[in-house]
């Protein structure tokens, strides 16, 4: 067997310059020599940001998990009407886990607890704080608005209560939910002395496409009562007085 030795030709400077791989290597070396420190700093900054995001997310998740556990224990106290213990536990959640969903839920429960104790003004404050933290959580918004509207009505702020019930109706998932909130809105308007607005809302309930007959009947009763008590020509109806907060 014969072997043929092939003599490799030596590359000229021009050939080296024209070779794409060699050219890329040369350019890469030049870039690194000129900007190596900046590149290292940039990569380090990106790594640092990624690590910070990871640790913040992990810490937040752990905080949320602990707060949810504390909230569950507080819920038991609420169910047992142990309001003193529940209030202390719920306030600790609000203070120790700010920004978490559990803290926002705790605010709603604080509204419920204070309302149950006849502290309507304090309940209003807690519900409003919860709504400010609700974000896109529809369930939290519904719970907060329902509590707020009821507390405002209990406090005698009927116009504000009606507005909150109207907002609650907008969040209804079906006509029955919307109808119940609208009935409460009309009731509050009537208490505020806004008879015609109340009647208009009752009529809207009756026009809802898919609503239980009981809600339609309740709206009809409301219309009848308000129509019978409406002032005649030349008479003036005095609005219901609302206590100052």
Protein backbone atom coordinates (compact mmCIF):
# COMPACT_ATOMS: atom_id res chain seq x y z
CA UNK A 1 0.00 0.00 0.00
CA UNK A 2 1.35 3.32 -0.95
CA UNK A 3 0.76 6.52 0.87
CA UNK A 4 0.76 9.84 -0.73
CA UNK A 5 1.86 12.65 1.42
CA UNK A 6 0.06 15.85 0.79
CA UNK A 7 2.08 18.91 1.55
CA UNK A 8 -0.04 21.60 3.21
CA UNK A 9 0.30 24.98 1.71
CA UNK A 10 1.15 27.85 4.00
CA UNK A 11 -1.66 30.44 4.23
CA UNK A 12 -0.71 33.90 3.16
CA UNK A 13 -1.62 36.97 5.23
CA UNK A 14 -4.26 37.85 2.68
CA UNK A 15 -5.83 34.39 2.88
CA UNK A 16 -5.86 34.57 6.67
CA UNK A 17 -7.53 37.95 6.48
CA UNK A 18 -10.17 36.66 4.05
CA UNK A 19 -10.97 33.52 6.05
CA UNK A 20 -14.35 34.22 7.85
CA UNK A 21 -13.62 32.12 10.94
CA UNK A 22 -10.24 33.63 11.47
CA UNK A 23 -11.61 37.10 10.86
CA UNK A 24 -14.37 36.55 13.41
CA UNK A 25 -11.85 35.32 15.96
CA UNK A 26 -9.66 38.36 15.43
CA UNK A 27 -12.62 40.70 15.76
CA UNK A 28 -13.82 38.91 18.89
CA UNK A 29 -10.37 39.29 20.43
CA UNK A 30 -10.31 42.99 19.62
CA UNK A 31 -13.79 43.52 21.08
CA UNK A 32 -12.86 41.66 24.25
CA UNK A 33 -9.65 43.66 24.66
CA UNK A 34 -11.53 46.92 24.26
CA UNK A 35 -14.78 46.14 26.10
CA UNK A 36 -14.06 43.07 28.24
CA UNK A 37 -14.52 44.84 31.56
CA UNK A 38 -17.82 46.37 30.47
CA UNK A 39 -19.09 43.02 29.24
CA UNK A 40 -18.21 41.38 32.56
CA UNK A 41 -19.95 44.18 34.46
CA UNK A 42 -23.04 43.87 32.25
CA UNK A 43 -23.24 40.10 32.68
CA UNK A 44 -22.74 40.48 36.42
CA UNK A 45 -25.54 43.05 36.62
CA UNK A 46 -27.93 40.76 34.76
CA UNK A 47 -27.06 37.84 37.03
CA UNK A 48 -27.55 40.04 40.09
CA UNK A 49 -30.98 41.18 38.91
CA UNK A 50 -32.04 37.59 38.23
CA UNK A 51 -30.90 36.51 41.70
CA UNK A 52 -32.68 39.45 43.35
CA UNK A 53 -35.92 38.65 41.53
CA UNK A 54 -35.62 35.01 42.55
CA UNK A 55 -35.01 35.72 46.23
CA UNK A 56 -37.72 38.42 46.41
CA UNK A 57 -40.24 36.07 44.79
CA UNK A 58 -39.23 33.25 47.12
CA UNK A 59 -39.46 35.47 50.20
CA UNK A 60 -42.84 36.82 49.10
CA UNK A 61 -44.17 33.31 48.52
CA UNK A 62 -42.99 32.21 51.97
CA UNK A 63 -44.55 35.30 53.56
CA UNK A 64 -47.83 34.63 51.75
CA UNK A 65 -47.81 31.00 52.89
CA UNK A 66 -47.24 31.93 56.53
CA UNK A 67 -49.89 34.66 56.39
CA UNK A 68 -52.43 32.26 54.89
CA UNK A 69 -51.84 29.86 57.77
CA UNK A 70 -52.31 32.65 60.30
CA UNK A 71 -55.45 33.78 58.47
CA UNK A 72 -56.94 30.29 58.68
CA UNK A 73 -56.49 30.30 62.45
CA UNK A 74 -58.02 33.78 62.67
CA UNK A 75 -61.02 32.60 60.64
CA UNK A 76 -61.67 29.93 63.26
CA UNK A 77 -61.81 32.63 65.95
CA UNK A 78 -64.20 34.66 63.81
CA UNK A 79 -66.46 31.63 63.35
CA UNK A 80 -66.44 31.11 67.12
CA UNK A 81 -67.32 34.82 67.59
CA UNK A 82 -64.16 35.23 69.63
CA UNK A 83 -63.78 38.73 68.27
CA UNK A 84 -61.06 39.89 70.67
CA UNK A 85 -58.70 37.09 69.65
CA UNK A 86 -59.66 37.36 66.00
CA UNK A 87 -59.02 41.12 65.93
CA UNK A 88 -55.56 40.71 67.43
CA UNK A 89 -54.60 37.94 65.02
CA UNK A 90 -55.97 39.76 61.97
CA UNK A 91 -54.16 43.00 62.82
CA UNK A 92 -50.90 41.07 63.23
CA UNK A 93 -51.36 39.68 59.71
CA UNK A 94 -51.98 43.15 58.30
CA UNK A 95 -48.86 44.52 60.03
CA UNK A 96 -46.50 41.58 59.46
CA UNK A 97 -47.42 40.63 55.89
CA UNK A 98 -48.21 43.88 54.03
CA UNK A 99 -48.84 43.55 50.32
CA UNK A 100 -50.01 39.93 50.53
CA UNK A 101 -53.45 38.68 49.57
CA UNK A 102 -53.82 37.31 53.08
CA UNK A 103 -53.38 40.81 54.51
CA UNK A 104 -56.09 42.19 52.22
CA UNK A 105 -58.42 39.35 53.23
CA UNK A 106 -57.61 40.06 56.87
CA UNK A 107 -58.81 43.64 56.34
CA UNK A 108 -62.15 42.35 55.09
CA UNK A 109 -62.46 40.12 58.15
CA UNK A 110 -61.60 43.07 60.38
CA UNK A 111 -64.44 44.92 58.70
CA UNK A 112 -66.76 42.00 59.39
CA UNK A 113 -65.65 41.72 63.03
CA UNK A 114 -66.02 45.44 63.78
CA UNK A 115 -69.37 45.57 61.99
CA UNK A 116 -70.60 42.63 64.06
CA UNK A 117 -69.69 44.60 67.18
CA UNK A 118 -71.69 47.62 66.02
CA UNK A 119 -68.63 49.68 65.06
CA UNK A 120 -69.86 50.73 61.63
CA UNK A 121 -67.45 53.64 61.16
CA UNK A 122 -64.42 51.43 61.91
CA UNK A 123 -65.81 48.72 59.65
CA UNK A 124 -66.12 51.22 56.78
CA UNK A 125 -62.45 52.12 57.21
CA UNK A 126 -61.30 48.49 57.08
CA UNK A 127 -63.42 47.67 54.04
CA UNK A 128 -62.06 50.67 52.16
CA UNK A 129 -58.50 49.65 52.98
CA UNK A 130 -59.22 46.15 51.71
CA UNK A 131 -60.67 47.48 48.46
CA UNK A 132 -57.60 49.65 47.93
CA UNK A 133 -55.48 46.46 48.08
CA UNK A 134 -57.85 44.22 46.09
CA UNK A 135 -56.18 44.76 42.71
CA UNK A 136 -57.66 42.35 40.18
CA UNK A 137 -59.01 39.94 42.79
CA UNK A 138 -62.74 39.95 41.92
CA UNK A 139 -63.75 37.85 44.93
CA UNK A 140 -62.02 40.25 47.29
CA UNK A 141 -63.66 43.22 45.56
CA UNK A 142 -67.10 41.65 45.93
CA UNK A 143 -66.55 40.84 49.61
CA UNK A 144 -65.18 44.31 50.31
CA UNK A 145 -67.95 46.15 48.45
CA UNK A 146 -70.68 44.07 50.04
CA UNK A 147 -69.30 44.75 53.52
CA UNK A 148 -68.71 48.43 52.79
CA UNK A 149 -72.21 49.00 51.44
CA UNK A 150 -73.82 47.25 54.41
CA UNK A 151 -71.67 49.17 56.91
CA UNK A 152 -72.47 52.49 55.23
CA UNK A 153 -76.16 51.65 55.33
CA UNK A 154 -75.92 50.72 59.01
CA UNK A 155 -74.13 54.01 59.69
CA UNK A 156 -76.89 55.93 57.90
CA UNK A 157 -74.83 57.05 54.90
CA UNK A 158 -77.53 55.92 52.50
CA UNK A 159 -76.32 57.79 49.39
CA UNK A 160 -72.82 56.32 49.69
CA UNK A 161 -74.31 52.92 50.44
CA UNK A 162 -76.38 53.11 47.25
CA UNK A 163 -73.26 53.94 45.24
CA UNK A 164 -71.42 50.96 46.71
CA UNK A 165 -74.33 48.64 45.97
CA UNK A 166 -74.32 49.96 42.39
CA UNK A 167 -70.61 49.09 42.09
CA UNK A 168 -71.37 45.66 43.52
CA UNK A 169 -74.08 45.13 40.90
CA UNK A 170 -71.54 45.78 38.14
CA UNK A 171 -69.44 42.89 39.43
CA UNK A 172 -72.37 40.46 39.43
CA UNK A 173 -71.73 37.28 37.46
CA UNK A 174 -75.40 36.77 36.61
CA UNK A 175 -78.72 38.65 36.67
CA UNK A 176 -79.69 37.28 40.08
CA UNK A 177 -76.52 38.63 41.69
CA UNK A 178 -76.96 41.93 39.90
CA UNK A 179 -80.62 42.04 40.86
CA UNK A 180 -80.00 41.52 44.57
CA UNK A 181 -77.39 44.29 44.63
CA UNK A 182 -79.74 46.61 42.72
CA UNK A 183 -82.56 45.95 45.17
CA UNK A 184 -80.24 47.00 48.00
CA UNK A 185 -79.23 50.06 45.95
CA UNK A 186 -82.87 51.05 45.48
CA UNK A 187 -83.58 50.49 49.18
CA UNK A 188 -80.71 52.81 50.12
CA UNK A 189 -81.82 55.44 47.62
CA UNK A 190 -85.31 55.34 49.11
CA UNK A 191 -83.87 55.81 52.60
CA UNK A 192 -81.88 58.78 51.29
CA UNK A 193 -85.13 60.34 50.06
CA UNK A 194 -84.28 59.84 46.37
CA UNK A 195 -87.62 58.25 45.54
CA UNK A 196 -87.61 58.60 41.78
CA UNK A 197 -84.09 57.19 41.45
CA UNK A 198 -85.09 54.28 43.67
CA UNK A 199 -88.15 53.55 41.51
CA UNK A 200 -85.99 53.69 38.38
CA UNK A 201 -83.58 51.10 39.83
CA UNK A 202 -86.49 48.84 40.85
CA UNK A 203 -87.76 48.99 37.26
CA UNK A 204 -84.28 48.06 35.99
CA UNK A 205 -84.43 44.95 38.16
CA UNK A 206 -87.73 43.97 36.56
CA UNK A 207 -86.17 44.35 33.10
CA UNK A 208 -83.24 42.04 33.77
CA UNK A 209 -83.37 39.22 31.18
CA UNK A 210 -82.82 36.19 33.44
CA UNK A 211 -83.81 36.88 37.04
CA UNK A 212 -85.77 34.99 39.68
CA UNK A 213 -89.43 35.89 40.02
CA UNK A 214 -88.94 36.61 43.72
CA UNK A 215 -86.61 39.49 42.87
CA UNK A 216 -89.10 40.83 40.33
CA UNK A 217 -91.85 40.65 42.94
CA UNK A 218 -89.69 42.43 45.53
CA UNK A 219 -89.00 45.19 43.02
CA UNK A 220 -92.73 45.48 42.33
CA UNK A 221 -93.51 45.82 46.03
CA UNK A 222 -90.84 48.51 46.34
CA UNK A 223 -92.29 50.45 43.43
CA UNK A 224 -95.77 50.21 44.90
CA UNK A 225 -94.69 51.42 48.33
CA UNK A 226 -92.67 54.34 46.95
CA UNK A 227 -95.40 55.35 44.51
CA UNK A 228 -97.95 55.41 47.31
CA UNK A 229 -95.72 57.54 49.51
CA UNK A 230 -94.59 59.92 46.76
CA UNK A 231 -95.59 63.57 47.38
CA UNK A 232 -98.49 64.91 45.42
CA UNK A 233 -98.42 68.00 43.17
CA UNK A 234 -97.04 71.02 44.98
CA UNK A 235 -95.71 68.90 47.87
CA UNK A 236 -92.05 68.48 48.74
CA UNK A 237 -90.52 65.28 50.02
CA UNK A 238 -87.83 65.76 52.61
CA UNK A 239 -84.79 63.48 52.24
CA UNK A 240 -83.84 61.16 55.05
CA UNK A 241 -81.23 62.63 57.30
CA UNK A 242 -77.84 60.97 57.47
CA UNK A 243 -75.76 61.14 60.62
CA UNK A 244 -72.39 62.76 60.36
CA UNK A 245 -69.49 60.35 60.59
